Structure formats: C-alpha cells, structure tokens
Amino acid sequence: MATPSPLPPRTGAQWRALELQLLGLLVQQLGDTGTPDPLLRGMLSQMDALLGLERARIVLVLPGDNRARIHLAHGLTDEEVARGVYALGEGVTGLVLASGQAVLVHDIDAEPRFLARSVARDNLPDEGQAFLALPIQADARTVGVLSCHRSRLPDRTLDDDLALLRVLAALAGQRLRLRVPQPLVRQYMSAHSHSRQELEHALVLHGNRQARAAEALGLTLRQFGYRLRKARAEQRD
C-alpha cells in the first residue's frame, strides 16, 4: 500500500478559505477562449494541493466512441490513465455516466461496484479511502465524470467536498460545451436541490453574476435567486 500524505488539521474557516482560493485561481482563467484543457488540468492539480482531493480525473465520452476514457488526470501514471476506460453502467464511473447522478463511496473496500481499474488498490494508502464521482453536463447532457479519491480527514466532511465538486463539475461542463457537441450518453434530468454552499460557490466562481451562476448549475435566473434567498434565510434561522 502507498504511504498517505496527511493534511494538517484545519478549522472550518480555514477550509472555506482554501475553497475560495481554488475558486479564485479558476476565475482568473475563465476569460481564456482556447482549449479548456489548461484550465481543467490546473483545476485537478489545485484540488489535490489545496484540499487533498487526490488522483482527480476527468473522464469523457467523445463522439464516435461507445466508451468513456480518462481525458485528463492528476497524480496518475500514463499506464493508469490508459486503463481508465469504462462502458456505460460499468463500475462507479459508468454508473454516474448512465444515471447522471453523483455517487459518493465512503469506503472503496466495502463497495463492490468500485473496480480499482485505473489505480490498483495496492497503490493507495492503507487507511480508508473514499471516492467521489460527479457527472459533467454540457447542453443538459452527461458527457463525462469528474472524480477523485479522498483519504479520511477528521476535520472535513465528504459532504463539503461534494458541494465544492458539484460547482467544479459545472465549470468543467461549461468549458467542454463546444468541445463535445454531440455527446453519446443519455439526457441528464437534474433532480438535485442545490445547497447554500453550492450556490455561494457558483456565485463566487462567476464574479457574483447570478445569471452566469444560474446557467452553470442548470437553473433559470429566477430559480437561482429564489433558492439562494431561501438558503440564506434558512441559515439565519
């Protein structure tokens, strides 16, 4: 088994500051009009460096291919990337592609659907490993998956990671929209009710412009405004 690289203990406020730092770094690159790969590659790297979301990858289904493949990754070898090929419905990644819904695996050793295809279990730390996989949508269709490993941390919940990753997956979908014009997987019909944290993250990422944040999350401007006001009011209560 690999040796873990533990993060130092942090308070909730420190974690929030790191999340905002990551979003701020991405905001600086949102105006780039070239290939989305540099932005997305940097995003995967900073997910690891700032928040300990390790071995992050973006899996895509491209036109003319009936399987999904790892397109970008951080912390994976070339051989591990090459093994990252998934049929629709196969394993956790394939399940996310087929359902259009996020999957949170608290313990990969207790999840029979986790294939360990790309990264062998022996190459992961002995300690419990979680795996988070979220759909990437472009034009209301699931075109890929954003996923990563997480070692157990005593001071950060997986729900916090999931909330941030939903925003990052939405950003990835925006940047990939023109690159993947005819996705081959089923239409994604979102039933997700966004948390206040997700709404606030999206707002920060898009320069406090509600229209852009709403588009990123697949909401109308009216829906976004209503949900944000309601979430803020519930927090005050």
C-alpha atoms as a PDB file:
ATOM      1  CA  MET A   1       0.000   0.000   0.000  1.00  0.00           C
ATOM      2  CA  ALA A   2       1.086   3.564  -0.627  1.00  0.00           C
ATOM      3  CA  THR A   3       2.072   5.865   2.212  1.00  0.00           C
ATOM      4  CA  PRO A   4      -0.576   8.545   2.891  1.00  0.00           C
ATOM      5  CA  SER A   5       0.319  12.232   2.789  1.00  0.00           C
ATOM      6  CA  PRO A   6      -1.869  13.627   5.595  1.00  0.00           C
ATOM      7  CA  LEU A   7      -3.050  17.224   5.519  1.00  0.00           C
ATOM      8  CA  PRO A   8      -2.580  19.313   8.667  1.00  0.00           C
ATOM      9  CA  PRO A   9      -5.686  19.786  10.858  1.00  0.00           C
ATOM     10  CA  ARG A  10      -7.708  22.831   9.857  1.00  0.00           C
ATOM     11  CA  THR A  11     -10.732  24.707  11.126  1.00  0.00           C
ATOM     12  CA  GLY A  12     -13.898  25.112   9.107  1.00  0.00           C
ATOM     13  CA  ALA A  13     -12.952  28.704   8.324  1.00  0.00           C
ATOM     14  CA  GLN A  14      -9.556  27.602   7.029  1.00  0.00           C
ATOM     15  CA  TRP A  15     -11.173  25.046   4.746  1.00  0.00           C
ATOM     16  CA  ARG A  16     -13.563  27.702   3.414  1.00  0.00           C
ATOM     17  CA  ALA A  17     -10.602  29.997   2.725  1.00  0.00           C
ATOM     18  CA  LEU A  18      -8.881  27.251   0.733  1.00  0.00           C
ATOM     19  CA  GLU A  19     -12.043  26.614  -1.274  1.00  0.00           C
ATOM     20  CA  LEU A  20     -12.240  30.309  -2.120  1.00  0.00           C
ATOM     21  CA  GLN A  21      -8.564  30.297  -3.056  1.00  0.00           C
ATOM     22  CA  LEU A  22      -9.207  27.478  -5.513  1.00  0.00           C
ATOM     23  CA  LEU A  23     -12.226  29.257  -6.986  1.00  0.00           C
ATOM     24  CA  GLY A  24     -10.237  32.474  -7.245  1.00  0.00           C
ATOM     25  CA  LEU A  25      -7.500  30.758  -9.225  1.00  0.00           C
ATOM     26  CA  LEU A  26     -10.106  29.413 -11.644  1.00  0.00           C
ATOM     27  CA  VAL A  27     -11.838  32.779 -12.007  1.00  0.00           C
ATOM     28  CA  GLN A  28      -8.580  34.259 -13.283  1.00  0.00           C
ATOM     29  CA  GLN A  29      -8.640  31.846 -16.221  1.00  0.00           C
ATOM     30  CA  LEU A  30     -12.329  31.953 -17.128  1.00  0.00           C
ATOM     31  CA  GLY A  31     -11.736  34.506 -19.860  1.00  0.00           C
ATOM     32  CA  ASP A  32      -9.400  32.231 -21.820  1.00  0.00           C
ATOM     33  CA  THR A  33     -11.010  31.249 -25.123  1.00  0.00           C
ATOM     34  CA  GLY A  34      -8.649  28.466 -26.176  1.00  0.00           C
ATOM     35  CA  THR A  35      -8.784  24.777 -25.356  1.00  0.00           C
ATOM     36  CA  PRO A  36     -10.296  24.060 -21.940  1.00  0.00           C
ATOM     37  CA  ASP A  37      -7.544  21.583 -21.050  1.00  0.00           C
ATOM     38  CA  PRO A  38      -5.121  24.009 -19.305  1.00  0.00           C
ATOM     39  CA  LEU A  39      -7.875  25.324 -17.014  1.00  0.00           C
ATOM     40  CA  LEU A  40      -9.163  21.843 -16.217  1.00  0.00           C
ATOM     41  CA  ARG A  41      -5.685  20.402 -15.717  1.00  0.00           C
ATOM     42  CA  GLY A  42      -4.884  23.223 -13.293  1.00  0.00           C
ATOM     43  CA  MET A  43      -8.180  22.614 -11.505  1.00  0.00           C
ATOM     44  CA  LEU A  44      -7.316  18.952 -10.907  1.00  0.00           C
ATOM     45  CA  SER A  45      -3.866  19.896  -9.628  1.00  0.00           C
ATOM     46  CA  GLN A  46      -5.179  22.511  -7.181  1.00  0.00           C
ATOM     47  CA  MET A  47      -7.889  20.154  -5.917  1.00  0.00           C
ATOM     48  CA  ASP A  48      -5.029  17.995  -4.651  1.00  0.00           C
ATOM     49  CA  ALA A  49      -2.644  20.734  -3.499  1.00  0.00           C
ATOM     50  CA  LEU A  50      -5.207  22.805  -1.583  1.00  0.00           C
ATOM     51  CA  LEU A  51      -7.871  20.339  -0.481  1.00  0.00           C
ATOM     52  CA  GLY A  52      -6.308  16.884  -0.614  1.00  0.00           C
ATOM     53  CA  LEU A  53      -8.696  15.627  -3.309  1.00  0.00           C
ATOM     54  CA  GLU A  54      -6.255  13.159  -4.791  1.00  0.00           C
ATOM     55  CA  ARG A  55      -5.881  11.362  -8.132  1.00  0.00           C
ATOM     56  CA  ALA A  56      -8.510  13.596  -9.680  1.00  0.00           C
ATOM     57  CA  ARG A  57      -9.538  12.848 -13.229  1.00  0.00           C
ATOM     58  CA  ILE A  58     -11.948  13.882 -15.937  1.00  0.00           C
ATOM     59  CA  VAL A  59     -13.475  11.019 -17.902  1.00  0.00           C
ATOM     60  CA  LEU A  60     -15.184  11.884 -21.200  1.00  0.00           C
ATOM     61  CA  VAL A  61     -17.380  10.186 -23.771  1.00  0.00           C
ATOM     62  CA  LEU A  62     -16.383  11.621 -27.144  1.00  0.00           C
ATOM     63  CA  PRO A  63     -18.288  11.426 -30.448  1.00  0.00           C
ATOM     64  CA  GLY A  64     -17.630   8.190 -32.293  1.00  0.00           C
ATOM     65  CA  ASP A  65     -16.690   6.254 -29.153  1.00  0.00           C
ATOM     66  CA  ASN A  66     -19.053   3.993 -27.213  1.00  0.00           C
ATOM     67  CA  ARG A  67     -16.882   4.002 -24.087  1.00  0.00           C
ATOM     68  CA  ALA A  68     -15.696   6.677 -21.675  1.00  0.00           C
ATOM     69  CA  ARG A  69     -11.978   7.293 -21.237  1.00  0.00           C
ATOM     70  CA  ILE A  70      -9.805   9.326 -18.887  1.00  0.00           C
ATOM     71  CA  HIS A  71      -9.056  12.565 -20.718  1.00  0.00           C
ATOM     72  CA  LEU A  72      -7.180  14.499 -18.023  1.00  0.00           C
ATOM     73  CA  ALA A  73      -5.767  13.364 -14.685  1.00  0.00           C
ATOM     74  CA  HIS A  74      -3.545  14.498 -11.847  1.00  0.00           C
ATOM     75  CA  GLY A  75      -1.397  12.071  -9.864  1.00  0.00           C
ATOM     76  CA  LEU A  76      -1.898   9.142 -12.253  1.00  0.00           C
ATOM     77  CA  THR A  77       0.779   7.466 -14.358  1.00  0.00           C
ATOM     78  CA  ASP A  78       0.403   7.078 -18.121  1.00  0.00           C
ATOM     79  CA  GLU A  79      -0.371   3.388 -17.587  1.00  0.00           C
ATOM     80  CA  GLU A  80      -3.097   4.201 -15.050  1.00  0.00           C
ATOM     81  CA  VAL A  81      -4.638   6.730 -17.429  1.00  0.00           C
ATOM     82  CA  ALA A  82      -4.606   4.174 -20.243  1.00  0.00           C
ATOM     83  CA  ARG A  83      -6.501   1.665 -18.080  1.00  0.00           C
ATOM     84  CA  GLY A  84      -9.242   4.198 -17.370  1.00  0.00           C
ATOM     85  CA  VAL A  85     -11.794   3.006 -19.942  1.00  0.00           C
ATOM     86  CA  TYR A  86     -15.422   2.408 -18.909  1.00  0.00           C
ATOM     87  CA  ALA A  87     -18.583   1.185 -20.574  1.00  0.00           C
ATOM     88  CA  LEU A  88     -21.874   2.875 -19.783  1.00  0.00           C
ATOM     89  CA  GLY A  89     -23.102   1.488 -16.443  1.00  0.00           C
ATOM     90  CA  GLU A  90     -19.794  -0.227 -15.646  1.00  0.00           C
ATOM     91  CA  GLY A  91     -18.418   0.387 -12.177  1.00  0.00           C
ATOM     92  CA  VAL A  92     -18.923   3.623 -10.252  1.00  0.00           C
ATOM     93  CA  THR A  93     -17.814   5.797 -13.175  1.00  0.00           C
ATOM     94  CA  GLY A  94     -20.102   4.039 -15.608  1.00  0.00           C
ATOM     95  CA  LEU A  95     -22.973   4.298 -13.133  1.00  0.00           C
ATOM     96  CA  VAL A  96     -22.565   8.079 -12.951  1.00  0.00           C
ATOM     97  CA  LEU A  97     -22.497   8.268 -16.742  1.00  0.00           C
ATOM     98  CA  ALA A  98     -25.649   6.183 -17.040  1.00  0.00           C
ATOM     99  CA  SER A  99     -27.642   7.846 -14.264  1.00  0.00           C
ATOM    100  CA  GLY A 100     -26.425  11.445 -14.433  1.00  0.00           C
ATOM    101  CA  GLN A 101     -26.256  11.420 -10.627  1.00  0.00           C
ATOM    102  CA  ALA A 102     -23.299  11.841  -8.283  1.00  0.00           C
ATOM    103  CA  VAL A 103     -22.012   8.786  -6.403  1.00  0.00           C
ATOM    104  CA  LEU A 104     -20.219   9.084  -3.076  1.00  0.00           C
ATOM    105  CA  VAL A 105     -18.366   5.947  -1.970  1.00  0.00           C
ATOM    106  CA  HIS A 106     -17.415   6.274   1.698  1.00  0.00           C
ATOM    107  CA  ASP A 107     -15.157   3.197   1.689  1.00  0.00           C
ATOM    108  CA  ILE A 108     -13.951   1.737  -1.594  1.00  0.00           C
ATOM    109  CA  ASP A 109     -13.119  -1.591   0.120  1.00  0.00           C
ATOM    110  CA  ALA A 110     -16.783  -2.028   1.037  1.00  0.00           C
ATOM    111  CA  GLU A 111     -18.190  -1.056  -2.388  1.00  0.00           C
ATOM    112  CA  PRO A 112     -18.420  -3.952  -4.871  1.00  0.00           C
ATOM    113  CA  ARG A 113     -19.064  -1.575  -7.783  1.00  0.00           C
ATOM    114  CA  PHE A 114     -15.671   0.086  -7.275  1.00  0.00           C
ATOM    115  CA  LEU A 115     -13.421  -1.557  -9.869  1.00  0.00           C
ATOM    116  CA  ALA A 116      -9.989  -0.129  -8.930  1.00  0.00           C
ATOM    117  CA  ARG A 117      -9.334  -0.396 -12.659  1.00  0.00           C
ATOM    118  CA  SER A 118      -7.229   2.688 -13.150  1.00  0.00           C
ATOM    119  CA  VAL A 119      -5.379   2.830  -9.815  1.00  0.00           C
ATOM    120  CA  ALA A 120      -4.677  -0.552  -8.207  1.00  0.00           C
ATOM    121  CA  ARG A 121      -5.748  -0.803  -4.564  1.00  0.00           C
ATOM    122  CA  ASP A 122      -2.183  -1.668  -3.556  1.00  0.00           C
ATOM    123  CA  ASN A 123      -1.105   1.756  -4.818  1.00  0.00           C
ATOM    124  CA  LEU A 124      -3.486   3.550  -2.449  1.00  0.00           C
ATOM    125  CA  PRO A 125      -2.921   4.253   1.263  1.00  0.00           C
ATOM    126  CA  ASP A 126      -3.840   1.559   3.790  1.00  0.00           C
ATOM    127  CA  GLU A 127      -6.238   3.922   5.527  1.00  0.00           C
ATOM    128  CA  GLY A 128      -9.860   4.112   4.407  1.00  0.00           C
ATOM    129  CA  GLN A 129     -10.314   5.650   1.002  1.00  0.00           C
ATOM    130  CA  ALA A 130     -13.409   7.441  -0.238  1.00  0.00           C
ATOM    131  CA  PHE A 131     -14.207   8.011  -3.916  1.00  0.00           C
ATOM    132  CA  LEU A 132     -16.341  10.854  -5.240  1.00  0.00           C
ATOM    133  CA  ALA A 133     -17.689  10.835  -8.803  1.00  0.00           C
ATOM    134  CA  LEU A 134     -19.908  13.534 -10.299  1.00  0.00           C
ATOM    135  CA  PRO A 135     -21.490  13.933 -13.737  1.00  0.00           C
ATOM    136  CA  ILE A 136     -20.218  16.610 -16.099  1.00  0.00           C
ATOM    137  CA  GLN A 137     -23.008  18.099 -18.213  1.00  0.00           C
ATOM    138  CA  ALA A 138     -22.807  20.047 -21.454  1.00  0.00           C
ATOM    139  CA  ASP A 139     -26.050  21.282 -23.019  1.00  0.00           C
ATOM    140  CA  ALA A 140     -28.103  19.304 -20.480  1.00  0.00           C
ATOM    141  CA  ARG A 141     -26.414  16.007 -21.328  1.00  0.00           C
ATOM    142  CA  THR A 142     -23.969  13.913 -19.344  1.00  0.00           C
ATOM    143  CA  VAL A 143     -20.711  13.961 -21.276  1.00  0.00           C
ATOM    144  CA  GLY A 144     -18.267  12.857 -18.611  1.00  0.00           C
ATOM    145  CA  VAL A 145     -17.352  12.369 -14.972  1.00  0.00           C
ATOM    146  CA  LEU A 146     -15.234  14.349 -12.516  1.00  0.00           C
ATOM    147  CA  SER A 147     -13.875  12.019  -9.837  1.00  0.00           C
ATOM    148  CA  CYS A 148     -11.203  11.821  -7.156  1.00  0.00           C
ATOM    149  CA  HIS A 149     -10.022   9.911  -4.097  1.00  0.00           C
ATOM    150  CA  ARG A 150     -10.167  11.255  -0.569  1.00  0.00           C
ATOM    151  CA  SER A 151      -8.355   9.916   2.478  1.00  0.00           C
ATOM    152  CA  ARG A 152     -10.386  10.164   5.665  1.00  0.00           C
ATOM    153  CA  LEU A 153      -9.984  13.505   7.425  1.00  0.00           C
ATOM    154  CA  PRO A 154     -11.186  14.215  10.973  1.00  0.00           C
ATOM    155  CA  ASP A 155     -11.914  17.882  10.292  1.00  0.00           C
ATOM    156  CA  ARG A 156     -13.628  17.902   6.884  1.00  0.00           C
ATOM    157  CA  THR A 157     -16.751  16.088   5.740  1.00  0.00           C
ATOM    158  CA  LEU A 158     -17.276  14.400   2.406  1.00  0.00           C
ATOM    159  CA  ASP A 159     -20.441  16.480   2.023  1.00  0.00           C
ATOM    160  CA  ASP A 160     -18.239  19.590   1.965  1.00  0.00           C
ATOM    161  CA  ASP A 161     -16.154  18.010  -0.794  1.00  0.00           C
ATOM    162  CA  LEU A 162     -19.272  17.021  -2.707  1.00  0.00           C
ATOM    163  CA  ALA A 163     -20.697  20.549  -2.579  1.00  0.00           C
ATOM    164  CA  LEU A 164     -17.498  22.047  -3.977  1.00  0.00           C
ATOM    165  CA  LEU A 165     -17.110  19.352  -6.624  1.00  0.00           C
ATOM    166  CA  ARG A 166     -20.619  19.993  -7.933  1.00  0.00           C
ATOM    167  CA  VAL A 167     -19.544  23.545  -8.763  1.00  0.00           C
ATOM    168  CA  LEU A 168     -16.277  22.386 -10.326  1.00  0.00           C
ATOM    169  CA  ALA A 169     -18.118  19.792 -12.428  1.00  0.00           C
ATOM    170  CA  ALA A 170     -20.490  22.536 -13.622  1.00  0.00           C
ATOM    171  CA  LEU A 171     -17.489  24.662 -14.607  1.00  0.00           C
ATOM    172  CA  ALA A 172     -15.974  21.726 -16.496  1.00  0.00           C
ATOM    173  CA  GLY A 173     -19.231  21.253 -18.379  1.00  0.00           C
ATOM    174  CA  GLN A 174     -19.269  24.902 -19.400  1.00  0.00           C
ATOM    175  CA  ARG A 175     -15.746  24.768 -20.767  1.00  0.00           C
ATOM    176  CA  LEU A 176     -16.345  21.459 -22.564  1.00  0.00           C
ATOM    177  CA  ARG A 177     -19.614  22.531 -24.184  1.00  0.00           C
ATOM    178  CA  LEU A 178     -18.073  23.386 -27.550  1.00  0.00           C
ATOM    179  CA  ARG A 179     -15.572  20.548 -27.457  1.00  0.00           C
ATOM    180  CA  VAL A 180     -18.222  17.843 -27.064  1.00  0.00           C
ATOM    181  CA  PRO A 181     -21.081  19.000 -29.327  1.00  0.00           C
ATOM    182  CA  GLN A 182     -22.804  15.629 -29.731  1.00  0.00           C
ATOM    183  CA  PRO A 183     -22.442  13.570 -26.552  1.00  0.00           C
ATOM    184  CA  LEU A 184     -23.403   9.946 -26.792  1.00  0.00           C
ATOM    185  CA  VAL A 185     -24.920   9.412 -23.372  1.00  0.00           C
ATOM    186  CA  ARG A 186     -28.448   9.943 -22.202  1.00  0.00           C
ATOM    187  CA  GLN A 187     -30.108  13.242 -21.428  1.00  0.00           C
ATOM    188  CA  TYR A 188     -29.471  14.381 -17.875  1.00  0.00           C
ATOM    189  CA  MET A 189     -32.544  15.436 -15.924  1.00  0.00           C
ATOM    190  CA  SER A 190     -31.372  17.015 -12.696  1.00  0.00           C
ATOM    191  CA  ALA A 191     -33.346  16.331  -9.555  1.00  0.00           C
ATOM    192  CA  HIS A 192     -30.664  17.799  -7.326  1.00  0.00           C
ATOM    193  CA  SER A 193     -31.589  20.522  -4.859  1.00  0.00           C
ATOM    194  CA  HIS A 194     -28.531  22.720  -4.525  1.00  0.00           C
ATOM    195  CA  SER A 195     -27.210  23.545  -1.078  1.00  0.00           C
ATOM    196  CA  ARG A 196     -26.421  27.081   0.039  1.00  0.00           C
ATOM    197  CA  GLN A 197     -22.724  26.237  -0.166  1.00  0.00           C
ATOM    198  CA  GLU A 198     -23.015  25.149  -3.802  1.00  0.00           C
ATOM    199  CA  LEU A 199     -24.986  28.266  -4.719  1.00  0.00           C
ATOM    200  CA  GLU A 200     -22.496  30.546  -2.990  1.00  0.00           C
ATOM    201  CA  HIS A 201     -19.544  28.764  -4.622  1.00  0.00           C
ATOM    202  CA  ALA A 202     -21.076  29.144  -8.075  1.00  0.00           C
ATOM    203  CA  LEU A 203     -21.720  32.822  -7.411  1.00  0.00           C
ATOM    204  CA  VAL A 204     -18.113  33.448  -6.376  1.00  0.00           C
ATOM    205  CA  LEU A 205     -16.783  31.495  -9.341  1.00  0.00           C
ATOM    206  CA  HIS A 206     -18.758  33.686 -11.743  1.00  0.00           C
ATOM    207  CA  GLY A 207     -17.900  37.066 -10.257  1.00  0.00           C
ATOM    208  CA  ASN A 208     -21.176  37.424  -8.284  1.00  0.00           C
ATOM    209  CA  ARG A 209     -23.166  37.407 -11.520  1.00  0.00           C
ATOM    210  CA  GLN A 210     -26.306  35.452 -10.779  1.00  0.00           C
ATOM    211  CA  ALA A 211     -27.182  34.852 -14.429  1.00  0.00           C
ATOM    212  CA  ARG A 212     -23.845  33.144 -15.101  1.00  0.00           C
ATOM    213  CA  ALA A 213     -24.003  31.157 -11.860  1.00  0.00           C
ATOM    214  CA  ALA A 214     -27.552  30.031 -12.656  1.00  0.00           C
ATOM    215  CA  GLU A 215     -26.516  28.839 -16.118  1.00  0.00           C
ATOM    216  CA  ALA A 216     -23.598  26.889 -14.675  1.00  0.00           C
ATOM    217  CA  LEU A 217     -25.920  24.998 -12.318  1.00  0.00           C
ATOM    218  CA  GLY A 218     -28.602  24.374 -14.933  1.00  0.00           C
ATOM    219  CA  LEU A 219     -31.091  26.780 -13.340  1.00  0.00           C
ATOM    220  CA  THR A 220     -33.024  29.766 -14.584  1.00  0.00           C
ATOM    221  CA  LEU A 221     -32.078  33.112 -13.102  1.00  0.00           C
ATOM    222  CA  ARG A 222     -35.362  33.170 -11.193  1.00  0.00           C
ATOM    223  CA  GLN A 223     -34.770  29.679  -9.774  1.00  0.00           C
ATOM    224  CA  PHE A 224     -31.244  30.566  -8.715  1.00  0.00           C
ATOM    225  CA  GLY A 225     -32.317  33.785  -6.993  1.00  0.00           C
ATOM    226  CA  TYR A 226     -35.164  32.090  -5.171  1.00  0.00           C
ATOM    227  CA  ARG A 227     -33.030  29.175  -3.962  1.00  0.00           C
ATOM    228  CA  LEU A 228     -30.224  31.458  -2.837  1.00  0.00           C
ATOM    229  CA  ARG A 229     -32.563  33.741  -0.865  1.00  0.00           C
ATOM    230  CA  LYS A 230     -34.275  30.732   0.718  1.00  0.00           C
ATOM    231  CA  ALA A 231     -30.969  29.065   1.631  1.00  0.00           C
ATOM    232  CA  ARG A 232     -29.610  32.245   3.196  1.00  0.00           C
ATOM    233  CA  ALA A 233     -32.809  32.781   5.158  1.00  0.00           C
ATOM    234  CA  GLU A 234     -32.754  29.196   6.463  1.00  0.00           C
ATOM    235  CA  GLN A 235     -29.181  29.650   7.630  1.00  0.00           C
ATOM    236  CA  ARG A 236     -30.110  32.806   9.558  1.00  0.00           C
ATOM    237  CA  ASP A 237     -32.983  30.956  11.214  1.00  0.00           C
END
